[in-house]
Amino acid sequence: MPHAELNTAVPHSARIYDYLLGGKDNFEADRAAAAEIVKSSPSLPISMRANRRYMTRVAGHLAAELGIRQFLDIGTGLPTSPNLHEVVQGVDPTARVVYVDNDPIVLTHARALLTSDPAGSTAYLDADLRDVAGILGSPELATLDPARPVSISLIAVLQFIIDEDEAHKIIDGLLAPFPAGSTLAISTVTAHNEQAVAGAKTYTARGIPAKARTDGEVTALFRGLQLLDPGVVLVNRWRPAVEDAEVEDYHVQMSGGVGVKR
């Protein structure tokens, strides 16, 4: 599909995320949107860091404990070390990763920075999460062997799919071609945190529709999958390291979990 055009006047979720993590790959529209979001959701930077650590714990667990060696990461965002491929190739250098995002700035940096261990492979695909057929039919997907389990990561992206039927259709479509033992990792904005709900409303007001989901709604996204313990929880509570256990739940605006295809 054609590459997205860079429009610096319109805020983009990946660049807002970059700014709130202290990055420099953002524009005035992104910074203005971030400032408004933080007014209603002051813990958002803390939550974003907790979510980033959740991604690394999940990836490390899937590689080290479940033996997953293939990863499809959709909604990658701007490169922030450790990136997913650095985590999983630290477990096994032969691991293969395909990153997907639809921001041209992410595309530029992905090509420059998402370098693979020579024993493995890393590819980048410029595509939108909603274009499941385009993702699965892309030449970059040849990086992954469809006969072997694949971990699909939807980290901090499903809040931008506000229709539940569409979210289920996307997930079902992404999982369909991959065998039993494949996994789905999700984090998304929780409806059980007042700041998160307010932040989602501010995103929407800034032209980026966003939705906060209840734990029940997030659990339903794993229909047909076996949820790993501890199920759907705040991201700081998913098999926490010491640093995560010290984060107060009040500051964490994302919930998530990991399911296995049977």
C-alpha atoms as a PDB file:
ATOM      1  CA  MET A   1       0.000   0.000   0.000  1.00  0.00           C
ATOM      2  CA  PRO A   2       1.246   3.603  -0.527  1.00  0.00           C
ATOM      3  CA  HIS A   3       3.186   5.249   2.263  1.00  0.00           C
ATOM      4  CA  ALA A   4       1.327   7.691   4.466  1.00  0.00           C
ATOM      5  CA  GLU A   5       2.130  11.341   3.824  1.00  0.00           C
ATOM      6  CA  LEU A   6       3.720  13.286   6.654  1.00  0.00           C
ATOM      7  CA  ASN A   7       1.319  15.940   7.953  1.00  0.00           C
ATOM      8  CA  THR A   8       3.024  17.841  10.745  1.00  0.00           C
ATOM      9  CA  ALA A   9      -0.071  19.950  11.440  1.00  0.00           C
ATOM     10  CA  VAL A  10      -2.082  16.943  12.606  1.00  0.00           C
ATOM     11  CA  PRO A  11      -1.120  15.134  15.834  1.00  0.00           C
ATOM     12  CA  HIS A  12      -0.260  11.439  15.574  1.00  0.00           C
ATOM     13  CA  SER A  13      -0.449   8.947  18.425  1.00  0.00           C
ATOM     14  CA  ALA A  14       3.070   7.570  17.823  1.00  0.00           C
ATOM     15  CA  ARG A  15       4.620  11.028  17.998  1.00  0.00           C
ATOM     16  CA  ILE A  16       2.584  12.012  21.069  1.00  0.00           C
ATOM     17  CA  TYR A  17       3.861   8.814  22.696  1.00  0.00           C
ATOM     18  CA  ASP A  18       7.409   9.727  21.684  1.00  0.00           C
ATOM     19  CA  TYR A  19       7.108  13.207  23.190  1.00  0.00           C
ATOM     20  CA  LEU A  20       5.707  11.937  26.489  1.00  0.00           C
ATOM     21  CA  LEU A  21       8.567   9.428  26.725  1.00  0.00           C
ATOM     22  CA  GLY A  22      11.055  12.286  26.307  1.00  0.00           C
ATOM     23  CA  GLY A  23      11.783  11.757  22.609  1.00  0.00           C
ATOM     24  CA  LYS A  24      12.509  14.397  19.978  1.00  0.00           C
ATOM     25  CA  ASP A  25      10.711  13.011  16.931  1.00  0.00           C
ATOM     26  CA  ASN A  26       7.537  15.079  17.244  1.00  0.00           C
ATOM     27  CA  PHE A  27       6.028  18.352  16.089  1.00  0.00           C
ATOM     28  CA  GLU A  28       4.174  21.282  17.605  1.00  0.00           C
ATOM     29  CA  ALA A  29       0.774  19.687  16.943  1.00  0.00           C
ATOM     30  CA  ASP A  30       1.898  16.562  18.792  1.00  0.00           C
ATOM     31  CA  ARG A  31       3.281  18.568  21.709  1.00  0.00           C
ATOM     32  CA  ALA A  32       0.117  20.682  21.957  1.00  0.00           C
ATOM     33  CA  ALA A  33      -2.047  17.558  21.953  1.00  0.00           C
ATOM     34  CA  ALA A  34       0.191  15.963  24.586  1.00  0.00           C
ATOM     35  CA  ALA A  35      -0.086  19.045  26.818  1.00  0.00           C
ATOM     36  CA  GLU A  36      -3.888  18.912  26.676  1.00  0.00           C
ATOM     37  CA  ILE A  37      -3.941  15.183  27.363  1.00  0.00           C
ATOM     38  CA  VAL A  38      -1.616  15.510  30.356  1.00  0.00           C
ATOM     39  CA  LYS A  39      -3.839  18.226  31.822  1.00  0.00           C
ATOM     40  CA  SER A  40      -6.643  15.704  32.182  1.00  0.00           C
ATOM     41  CA  SER A  41      -4.349  12.717  32.655  1.00  0.00           C
ATOM     42  CA  PRO A  42      -1.234  13.838  34.578  1.00  0.00           C
ATOM     43  CA  SER A  43       0.022  10.318  35.244  1.00  0.00           C
ATOM     44  CA  LEU A  44       0.190   9.479  31.541  1.00  0.00           C
ATOM     45  CA  PRO A  45       4.021   9.603  31.232  1.00  0.00           C
ATOM     46  CA  ILE A  46       4.349   7.208  34.193  1.00  0.00           C
ATOM     47  CA  SER A  47       1.746   4.935  32.621  1.00  0.00           C
ATOM     48  CA  MET A  48       3.513   4.975  29.259  1.00  0.00           C
ATOM     49  CA  ARG A  49       6.793   3.919  30.847  1.00  0.00           C
ATOM     50  CA  ALA A  50       4.986   1.128  32.709  1.00  0.00           C
ATOM     51  CA  ASN A  51       3.432   0.028  29.427  1.00  0.00           C
ATOM     52  CA  ARG A  52       6.832  -0.025  27.722  1.00  0.00           C
ATOM     53  CA  ARG A  53       8.228  -2.255  30.474  1.00  0.00           C
ATOM     54  CA  TYR A  54       5.166  -4.490  30.103  1.00  0.00           C
ATOM     55  CA  MET A  55       6.013  -4.957  26.431  1.00  0.00           C
ATOM     56  CA  THR A  56       9.550  -6.028  27.254  1.00  0.00           C
ATOM     57  CA  ARG A  57       8.413  -8.439  29.992  1.00  0.00           C
ATOM     58  CA  VAL A  58       5.822 -10.019  27.723  1.00  0.00           C
ATOM     59  CA  ALA A  59       8.259 -10.392  24.839  1.00  0.00           C
ATOM     60  CA  GLY A  60      10.926 -11.845  27.116  1.00  0.00           C
ATOM     61  CA  HIS A  61       8.471 -14.303  28.657  1.00  0.00           C
ATOM     62  CA  LEU A  62       7.146 -15.488  25.305  1.00  0.00           C
ATOM     63  CA  ALA A  63      10.655 -16.020  23.976  1.00  0.00           C
ATOM     64  CA  ALA A  64      12.215 -17.559  27.078  1.00  0.00           C
ATOM     65  CA  GLU A  65       9.315 -19.541  28.534  1.00  0.00           C
ATOM     66  CA  LEU A  66       7.059 -20.366  25.576  1.00  0.00           C
ATOM     67  CA  GLY A  67       9.793 -20.679  22.969  1.00  0.00           C
ATOM     68  CA  ILE A  68       8.244 -18.201  20.529  1.00  0.00           C
ATOM     69  CA  ARG A  69      10.739 -17.177  17.869  1.00  0.00           C
ATOM     70  CA  GLN A  70       8.515 -15.150  15.524  1.00  0.00           C
ATOM     71  CA  PHE A  71       6.865 -11.823  16.359  1.00  0.00           C
ATOM     72  CA  LEU A  72       4.436  -9.560  14.502  1.00  0.00           C
ATOM     73  CA  ASP A  73       4.376  -6.209  16.309  1.00  0.00           C
ATOM     74  CA  ILE A  74       1.619  -3.879  15.087  1.00  0.00           C
ATOM     75  CA  GLY A  75       1.586  -0.275  16.225  1.00  0.00           C
ATOM     76  CA  THR A  76       5.312  -0.265  16.860  1.00  0.00           C
ATOM     77  CA  GLY A  77       5.802   3.439  17.454  1.00  0.00           C
ATOM     78  CA  LEU A  78       9.121   5.229  17.282  1.00  0.00           C
ATOM     79  CA  PRO A  79      12.138   3.100  18.219  1.00  0.00           C
ATOM     80  CA  THR A  80      12.868   3.196  21.960  1.00  0.00           C
ATOM     81  CA  SER A  81      15.490   0.875  23.393  1.00  0.00           C
ATOM     82  CA  PRO A  82      15.046  -1.871  24.278  1.00  0.00           C
ATOM     83  CA  ASN A  83      12.978  -2.574  21.199  1.00  0.00           C
ATOM     84  CA  LEU A  84      11.099  -5.852  20.908  1.00  0.00           C
ATOM     85  CA  HIS A  85      13.683  -7.455  18.624  1.00  0.00           C
ATOM     86  CA  GLU A  86      16.467  -6.583  21.077  1.00  0.00           C
ATOM     87  CA  VAL A  87      14.564  -8.358  23.858  1.00  0.00           C
ATOM     88  CA  VAL A  88      13.721 -11.534  21.961  1.00  0.00           C
ATOM     89  CA  GLN A  89      17.036 -11.800  20.111  1.00  0.00           C
ATOM     90  CA  GLY A  90      18.687 -11.481  23.504  1.00  0.00           C
ATOM     91  CA  VAL A  91      16.973 -14.788  24.304  1.00  0.00           C
ATOM     92  CA  ASP A  92      17.619 -16.338  20.895  1.00  0.00           C
ATOM     93  CA  PRO A  93      19.561 -14.456  18.191  1.00  0.00           C
ATOM     94  CA  THR A  94      17.638 -16.328  15.473  1.00  0.00           C
ATOM     95  CA  ALA A  95      14.310 -14.718  16.429  1.00  0.00           C
ATOM     96  CA  ARG A  96      12.417 -12.980  13.625  1.00  0.00           C
ATOM     97  CA  VAL A  97      10.371  -9.805  13.984  1.00  0.00           C
ATOM     98  CA  VAL A  98       8.083  -7.878  11.643  1.00  0.00           C
ATOM     99  CA  TYR A  99       7.200  -4.369  12.810  1.00  0.00           C
ATOM    100  CA  VAL A 100       4.115  -2.533  11.504  1.00  0.00           C
ATOM    101  CA  ASP A 101       3.162   1.129  11.811  1.00  0.00           C
ATOM    102  CA  ASN A 102       1.617   3.839   9.639  1.00  0.00           C
ATOM    103  CA  ASP A 103       3.517   7.011  10.596  1.00  0.00           C
ATOM    104  CA  PRO A 104       6.128   8.095   8.023  1.00  0.00           C
ATOM    105  CA  ILE A 105       8.462   9.252  10.816  1.00  0.00           C
ATOM    106  CA  VAL A 106       8.298   5.771  12.356  1.00  0.00           C
ATOM    107  CA  LEU A 107       9.055   4.375   8.897  1.00  0.00           C
ATOM    108  CA  THR A 108      12.160   6.536   8.560  1.00  0.00           C
ATOM    109  CA  HIS A 109      13.544   5.619  11.947  1.00  0.00           C
ATOM    110  CA  ALA A 110      12.563   1.978  11.683  1.00  0.00           C
ATOM    111  CA  ARG A 111      14.644   1.543   8.558  1.00  0.00           C
ATOM    112  CA  ALA A 112      17.608   3.198  10.255  1.00  0.00           C
ATOM    113  CA  LEU A 113      17.391   1.799  13.765  1.00  0.00           C
ATOM    114  CA  LEU A 114      15.549  -1.521  13.874  1.00  0.00           C
ATOM    115  CA  THR A 115      18.581  -3.599  12.971  1.00  0.00           C
ATOM    116  CA  SER A 116      18.595  -7.331  13.521  1.00  0.00           C
ATOM    117  CA  ASP A 117      21.118  -9.721  14.959  1.00  0.00           C
ATOM    118  CA  PRO A 118      22.721 -11.311  11.858  1.00  0.00           C
ATOM    119  CA  ALA A 119      21.425 -14.698  12.984  1.00  0.00           C
ATOM    120  CA  GLY A 120      17.830 -13.496  12.948  1.00  0.00           C
ATOM    121  CA  SER A 121      15.755 -11.117  10.872  1.00  0.00           C
ATOM    122  CA  THR A 122      13.839  -7.860  11.314  1.00  0.00           C
ATOM    123  CA  ALA A 123      11.488  -6.282   8.778  1.00  0.00           C
ATOM    124  CA  TYR A 124       9.319  -3.177   8.781  1.00  0.00           C
ATOM    125  CA  LEU A 125       5.952  -2.757   7.101  1.00  0.00           C
ATOM    126  CA  ASP A 126       4.215   0.592   6.537  1.00  0.00           C
ATOM    127  CA  ALA A 127       0.553  -0.300   7.041  1.00  0.00           C
ATOM    128  CA  ASP A 128      -2.512   0.427   9.141  1.00  0.00           C
ATOM    129  CA  LEU A 129      -3.835  -2.024  11.732  1.00  0.00           C
ATOM    130  CA  ARG A 130      -7.225  -1.965  10.014  1.00  0.00           C
ATOM    131  CA  ASP A 131      -5.734  -3.309   6.782  1.00  0.00           C
ATOM    132  CA  VAL A 132      -5.407  -6.909   7.926  1.00  0.00           C
ATOM    133  CA  ALA A 133      -5.339  -8.301   4.389  1.00  0.00           C
ATOM    134  CA  GLY A 134      -2.605  -5.852   3.421  1.00  0.00           C
ATOM    135  CA  ILE A 135      -0.506  -6.792   6.448  1.00  0.00           C
ATOM    136  CA  LEU A 136      -0.871 -10.528   5.963  1.00  0.00           C
ATOM    137  CA  GLY A 137      -0.355 -10.308   2.209  1.00  0.00           C
ATOM    138  CA  SER A 138       2.710  -8.076   2.310  1.00  0.00           C
ATOM    139  CA  PRO A 139       6.127  -9.274   1.100  1.00  0.00           C
ATOM    140  CA  GLU A 140       7.546  -8.439   4.540  1.00  0.00           C
ATOM    141  CA  LEU A 141       5.468 -11.248   6.078  1.00  0.00           C
ATOM    142  CA  ALA A 142       7.723 -13.715   4.239  1.00  0.00           C
ATOM    143  CA  THR A 143      10.108 -13.000   7.124  1.00  0.00           C
ATOM    144  CA  LEU A 144       7.837 -15.244   9.223  1.00  0.00           C
ATOM    145  CA  ASP A 145       7.200 -18.949   8.688  1.00  0.00           C
ATOM    146  CA  PRO A 146       3.389 -19.427   8.792  1.00  0.00           C
ATOM    147  CA  ALA A 147       3.845 -23.060   9.802  1.00  0.00           C
ATOM    148  CA  ARG A 148       5.420 -22.031  13.113  1.00  0.00           C
ATOM    149  CA  PRO A 149       3.809 -20.114  16.022  1.00  0.00           C
ATOM    150  CA  VAL A 150       3.813 -16.332  15.809  1.00  0.00           C
ATOM    151  CA  SER A 151       3.295 -13.840  18.608  1.00  0.00           C
ATOM    152  CA  ILE A 152       1.073 -10.923  17.592  1.00  0.00           C
ATOM    153  CA  SER A 153       1.639  -7.797  19.686  1.00  0.00           C
ATOM    154  CA  LEU A 154      -1.033  -5.096  19.833  1.00  0.00           C
ATOM    155  CA  ILE A 155       0.565  -2.863  22.449  1.00  0.00           C
ATOM    156  CA  ALA A 156      -1.105   0.509  23.126  1.00  0.00           C
ATOM    157  CA  VAL A 157      -2.948   0.513  19.807  1.00  0.00           C
ATOM    158  CA  LEU A 158      -6.409  -1.041  20.223  1.00  0.00           C
ATOM    159  CA  GLN A 159      -7.721   2.014  22.090  1.00  0.00           C
ATOM    160  CA  PHE A 160      -7.800   3.653  18.663  1.00  0.00           C
ATOM    161  CA  ILE A 161     -10.202   0.971  17.392  1.00  0.00           C
ATOM    162  CA  ILE A 162     -13.334   2.178  19.129  1.00  0.00           C
ATOM    163  CA  ASP A 163     -15.816  -0.327  17.668  1.00  0.00           C
ATOM    164  CA  GLU A 164     -15.793  -3.712  19.410  1.00  0.00           C
ATOM    165  CA  ASP A 165     -16.949  -5.650  16.353  1.00  0.00           C
ATOM    166  CA  GLU A 166     -14.123  -4.123  14.315  1.00  0.00           C
ATOM    167  CA  ALA A 167     -11.587  -4.924  17.039  1.00  0.00           C
ATOM    168  CA  HIS A 168     -12.716  -8.563  17.129  1.00  0.00           C
ATOM    169  CA  LYS A 169     -12.639  -8.793  13.335  1.00  0.00           C
ATOM    170  CA  ILE A 170      -9.072  -7.434  13.247  1.00  0.00           C
ATOM    171  CA  ILE A 171      -7.863  -9.852  15.908  1.00  0.00           C
ATOM    172  CA  ASP A 172      -9.601 -12.859  14.355  1.00  0.00           C
ATOM    173  CA  GLY A 173      -8.154 -11.989  10.958  1.00  0.00           C
ATOM    174  CA  LEU A 174      -4.616 -11.559  12.257  1.00  0.00           C
ATOM    175  CA  LEU A 175      -4.659 -14.859  14.145  1.00  0.00           C
ATOM    176  CA  ALA A 176      -6.347 -16.915  11.412  1.00  0.00           C
ATOM    177  CA  PRO A 177      -3.296 -17.897   9.310  1.00  0.00           C
ATOM    178  CA  PHE A 178      -1.076 -18.899  12.212  1.00  0.00           C
ATOM    179  CA  PRO A 179      -0.989 -22.284  13.968  1.00  0.00           C
ATOM    180  CA  ALA A 180      -1.871 -23.374  17.496  1.00  0.00           C
ATOM    181  CA  GLY A 181       0.693 -22.124  19.967  1.00  0.00           C
ATOM    182  CA  SER A 182       0.628 -18.646  18.457  1.00  0.00           C
ATOM    183  CA  THR A 183      -0.028 -15.858  20.945  1.00  0.00           C
ATOM    184  CA  LEU A 184      -1.747 -12.496  21.225  1.00  0.00           C
ATOM    185  CA  ALA A 185      -0.414  -9.774  23.539  1.00  0.00           C
ATOM    186  CA  ILE A 186      -2.590  -6.724  24.188  1.00  0.00           C
ATOM    187  CA  SER A 187      -2.375  -3.532  26.160  1.00  0.00           C
ATOM    188  CA  THR A 188      -5.030  -0.846  25.866  1.00  0.00           C
ATOM    189  CA  VAL A 189      -6.543   2.031  27.814  1.00  0.00           C
ATOM    190  CA  THR A 190      -8.492   0.911  30.879  1.00  0.00           C
ATOM    191  CA  ALA A 191     -11.930   2.233  31.789  1.00  0.00           C
ATOM    192  CA  HIS A 192     -11.146   1.575  35.464  1.00  0.00           C
ATOM    193  CA  ASN A 193      -8.980   4.673  35.827  1.00  0.00           C
ATOM    194  CA  GLU A 194     -10.548   8.152  35.779  1.00  0.00           C
ATOM    195  CA  GLN A 195      -7.414   9.691  34.267  1.00  0.00           C
ATOM    196  CA  ALA A 196      -7.419   7.121  31.482  1.00  0.00           C
ATOM    197  CA  VAL A 197     -11.044   7.854  30.629  1.00  0.00           C
ATOM    198  CA  ALA A 198     -10.367  11.602  30.646  1.00  0.00           C
ATOM    199  CA  GLY A 199      -7.259  11.130  28.510  1.00  0.00           C
ATOM    200  CA  ALA A 200      -9.187   9.090  25.936  1.00  0.00           C
ATOM    201  CA  LYS A 201     -11.761  11.884  25.702  1.00  0.00           C
ATOM    202  CA  THR A 202      -9.007  14.438  25.132  1.00  0.00           C
ATOM    203  CA  TYR A 203      -7.410  12.289  22.406  1.00  0.00           C
ATOM    204  CA  THR A 204     -10.823  12.142  20.750  1.00  0.00           C
ATOM    205  CA  ALA A 205     -11.301  15.900  21.031  1.00  0.00           C
ATOM    206  CA  ARG A 206      -7.902  16.355  19.346  1.00  0.00           C
ATOM    207  CA  GLY A 207      -9.012  14.314  16.347  1.00  0.00           C
ATOM    208  CA  ILE A 208      -7.652  10.916  17.422  1.00  0.00           C
ATOM    209  CA  PRO A 209     -10.694   8.837  18.446  1.00  0.00           C
ATOM    210  CA  ALA A 210      -9.852   6.686  21.453  1.00  0.00           C
ATOM    211  CA  LYS A 211     -11.758   4.359  23.756  1.00  0.00           C
ATOM    212  CA  ALA A 212     -11.209   3.147  27.303  1.00  0.00           C
ATOM    213  CA  ARG A 213     -12.194  -0.512  27.834  1.00  0.00           C
ATOM    214  CA  THR A 214     -13.390  -2.389  30.894  1.00  0.00           C
ATOM    215  CA  ASP A 215     -11.530  -5.510  31.975  1.00  0.00           C
ATOM    216  CA  GLY A 216     -14.470  -7.503  30.649  1.00  0.00           C
ATOM    217  CA  GLU A 217     -14.171  -5.903  27.232  1.00  0.00           C
ATOM    218  CA  VAL A 218     -10.427  -6.546  27.136  1.00  0.00           C
ATOM    219  CA  THR A 219     -10.936 -10.157  28.231  1.00  0.00           C
ATOM    220  CA  ALA A 220     -13.476 -10.585  25.432  1.00  0.00           C
ATOM    221  CA  LEU A 221     -10.797  -9.653  22.902  1.00  0.00           C
ATOM    222  CA  PHE A 222      -9.113 -12.966  23.787  1.00  0.00           C
ATOM    223  CA  ARG A 223     -12.147 -15.067  22.865  1.00  0.00           C
ATOM    224  CA  GLY A 224     -11.120 -18.578  21.838  1.00  0.00           C
ATOM    225  CA  LEU A 225      -7.648 -18.142  23.339  1.00  0.00           C
ATOM    226  CA  GLN A 226      -6.214 -19.469  26.580  1.00  0.00           C
ATOM    227  CA  LEU A 227      -5.353 -16.502  28.787  1.00  0.00           C
ATOM    228  CA  LEU A 228      -2.060 -16.828  30.599  1.00  0.00           C
ATOM    229  CA  ASP A 229      -1.924 -16.008  34.303  1.00  0.00           C
ATOM    230  CA  PRO A 230      -2.614 -13.481  35.741  1.00  0.00           C
ATOM    231  CA  GLY A 231      -5.247 -12.793  33.070  1.00  0.00           C
ATOM    232  CA  VAL A 232      -6.245  -9.226  32.203  1.00  0.00           C
ATOM    233  CA  VAL A 233      -4.692  -6.824  34.702  1.00  0.00           C
ATOM    234  CA  LEU A 234      -3.102  -3.402  34.864  1.00  0.00           C
ATOM    235  CA  VAL A 235       0.137  -3.634  32.909  1.00  0.00           C
ATOM    236  CA  ASN A 236       2.289  -3.039  35.984  1.00  0.00           C
ATOM    237  CA  ARG A 237       0.705  -6.137  37.562  1.00  0.00           C
ATOM    238  CA  TRP A 238       1.472  -8.550  34.713  1.00  0.00           C
ATOM    239  CA  ARG A 239       4.340 -10.672  36.108  1.00  0.00           C
ATOM    240  CA  PRO A 240       5.944  -7.531  37.565  1.00  0.00           C
ATOM    241  CA  ALA A 241       9.608  -6.870  38.099  1.00  0.00           C
ATOM    242  CA  VAL A 242      10.616  -4.931  41.207  1.00  0.00           C
ATOM    243  CA  GLU A 243      10.378  -1.593  39.423  1.00  0.00           C
ATOM    244  CA  ASP A 244       6.837  -2.344  38.287  1.00  0.00           C
ATOM    245  CA  ALA A 245       5.642  -3.525  41.687  1.00  0.00           C
ATOM    246  CA  GLU A 246       6.601  -0.123  43.090  1.00  0.00           C
ATOM    247  CA  VAL A 247       4.343   1.793  40.661  1.00  0.00           C
ATOM    248  CA  GLU A 248       1.031   2.782  42.237  1.00  0.00           C
ATOM    249  CA  ASP A 249      -2.018   1.512  40.367  1.00  0.00           C
ATOM    250  CA  TYR A 250      -3.443   5.039  40.350  1.00  0.00           C
ATOM    251  CA  HIS A 251      -0.798   6.068  37.823  1.00  0.00           C
ATOM    252  CA  VAL A 252      -1.312   3.141  35.430  1.00  0.00           C
ATOM    253  CA  GLN A 253      -3.867   3.720  32.695  1.00  0.00           C
ATOM    254  CA  MET A 254      -3.367   0.567  30.616  1.00  0.00           C
ATOM    255  CA  SER A 255      -4.540  -2.990  31.136  1.00  0.00           C
ATOM    256  CA  GLY A 256      -3.569  -6.045  29.160  1.00  0.00           C
ATOM    257  CA  GLY A 257      -2.912  -9.722  28.948  1.00  0.00           C
ATOM    258  CA  VAL A 258      -1.559 -12.536  26.817  1.00  0.00           C
ATOM    259  CA  GLY A 259      -3.517 -15.384  25.205  1.00  0.00           C
ATOM    260  CA  VAL A 260      -2.431 -18.558  23.433  1.00  0.00           C
ATOM    261  CA  LYS A 261      -4.165 -19.993  20.371  1.00  0.00           C
ATOM    262  CA  ARG A 262      -5.289 -23.556  20.979  1.00  0.00           C
END
